[in-house]
Amino acid sequence: MVSWCKHGEGEEMGLAMCRRRQLDRGEKGVVYCSSKAQCERLAGELGCGYYHAENVDRADRLAEWAESGGYIVATSALGTGVDFLGIVFILHMGMPWSMIDYV
């Protein structure tokens, strides 16, 4: 499913979709953001971990998420070719930088 939100409504809609989409045990969701500040803020609001280039313990957070599931909020530093078992939900907050980032 692809939904386009009006300018200014995207973040609220995205958070609502994540809160509504309860993940089963072991399922994973990724919320991609375009900035580190937005990444940290949304992770705080969702109560989950975040991953970006300046996060010094990003490898530990990624390993924890891969093991336990749930949501992780990330910038493109996570990469677009992630292949973790159990990813069932991906949300882009705003327009991805390129078609490769979207896919």
Protein backbone atom coordinates (compact mmCIF):
# COMPACT_ATOMS: atom_id res chain seq x y z
CA MET A 1 0.00 0.00 0.00
CA VAL A 2 1.26 3.48 -0.83
CA SER A 3 -0.41 6.51 0.73
CA TRP A 4 0.45 10.11 0.04
CA CYS A 5 -0.33 12.61 2.80
CA LYS A 6 -0.85 16.32 2.41
CA HIS A 7 2.12 18.51 3.33
CA GLY A 8 2.30 18.80 7.11
CA GLU A 9 0.12 15.76 7.81
CA GLY A 10 2.66 13.06 6.97
CA GLU A 11 4.36 12.72 10.33
CA GLU A 12 1.11 12.50 12.31
CA MET A 13 -0.31 9.99 9.83
CA GLY A 14 2.88 7.94 9.95
CA LEU A 15 2.88 7.77 13.74
CA ALA A 16 -0.79 6.82 13.74
CA MET A 17 -0.13 4.02 11.21
CA CYS A 18 2.71 2.62 13.35
CA ARG A 19 0.62 2.74 16.51
CA ARG A 20 -2.29 1.08 14.73
CA ARG A 21 -0.11 -1.61 13.12
CA GLN A 22 0.71 -3.75 16.12
CA LEU A 23 3.52 -6.10 15.20
CA ASP A 24 3.35 -9.73 16.26
CA ARG A 25 6.23 -11.29 18.14
CA GLY A 26 9.33 -11.38 15.95
CA GLU A 27 7.84 -9.13 13.25
CA LYS A 28 9.78 -6.01 12.35
CA GLY A 29 8.99 -2.58 11.02
CA VAL A 30 11.29 0.14 9.69
CA VAL A 31 10.43 3.84 9.66
CA TYR A 32 12.80 5.75 7.37
CA CYS A 33 13.44 9.45 8.07
CA SER A 34 15.42 12.04 6.16
CA SER A 35 17.24 13.55 9.17
CA LYS A 36 18.93 12.36 12.34
CA ALA A 37 16.87 14.77 14.46
CA GLN A 38 13.59 13.47 13.04
CA CYS A 39 14.84 9.91 13.49
CA GLU A 40 15.56 10.41 17.20
CA ARG A 41 12.32 12.32 17.82
CA LEU A 42 10.10 9.70 16.17
CA ALA A 43 11.90 6.86 17.94
CA GLY A 44 11.16 8.60 21.23
CA GLU A 45 7.49 9.00 20.33
CA LEU A 46 7.21 5.36 19.26
CA GLY A 47 9.29 4.06 22.17
CA CYS A 48 11.73 2.17 19.96
CA GLY A 49 15.37 2.28 18.89
CA TYR A 50 16.88 4.39 16.15
CA TYR A 51 19.74 3.98 13.69
CA HIS A 52 21.71 6.72 11.99
CA ALA A 53 25.33 7.39 11.02
CA GLU A 54 26.25 9.31 14.18
CA ASN A 55 24.71 6.82 16.61
CA VAL A 56 27.78 5.31 18.30
CA ASP A 57 26.00 2.13 19.45
CA ARG A 58 24.09 1.60 16.21
CA ALA A 59 25.46 -1.93 15.72
CA ASP A 60 24.16 -2.96 19.16
CA ARG A 61 20.76 -1.38 18.51
CA LEU A 62 20.52 -3.09 15.14
CA ALA A 63 21.43 -6.46 16.65
CA GLU A 64 18.84 -6.00 19.42
CA TRP A 65 16.14 -5.08 16.88
CA ALA A 66 17.08 -8.02 14.63
CA GLU A 67 16.77 -10.37 17.61
CA SER A 68 13.64 -9.04 19.32
CA GLY A 69 11.67 -7.37 16.52
CA GLY A 70 9.42 -4.35 16.79
CA TYR A 71 10.06 -1.00 15.17
CA ILE A 72 13.29 0.80 14.41
CA VAL A 73 13.49 4.35 13.07
CA ALA A 74 16.39 4.93 10.70
CA THR A 75 17.95 7.24 8.20
CA SER A 76 19.33 5.95 4.92
CA ALA A 77 22.43 4.89 6.90
CA LEU A 78 20.57 1.64 7.56
CA GLY A 79 20.56 1.08 3.84
CA THR A 80 17.85 0.13 1.48
CA GLY A 81 18.92 -3.43 0.86
CA VAL A 82 18.41 -4.65 4.41
CA ASP A 83 17.43 -8.29 4.47
CA PHE A 84 16.29 -9.23 7.94
CA LEU A 85 13.82 -12.02 8.48
CA GLY A 86 10.44 -10.76 9.65
CA ILE A 87 10.23 -7.24 8.15
CA VAL A 88 6.53 -6.77 7.45
CA PHE A 89 6.17 -2.97 7.56
CA ILE A 90 8.17 -0.13 6.00
CA LEU A 91 7.22 3.52 6.25
CA HIS A 92 8.98 6.47 4.62
CA MET A 93 8.45 9.77 6.41
CA GLY A 94 8.48 12.13 3.48
CA MET A 95 9.64 11.47 -0.02
CA PRO A 96 12.64 9.11 -0.28
CA TRP A 97 15.76 10.62 -1.85
CA SER A 98 15.66 8.33 -4.85
CA MET A 99 13.76 5.43 -6.34
CA ILE A 100 16.42 3.08 -4.98
CA ASP A 101 15.77 4.39 -1.45
CA TYR A 102 12.05 3.83 -1.94
CA VAL A 103 12.41 0.27 -3.18
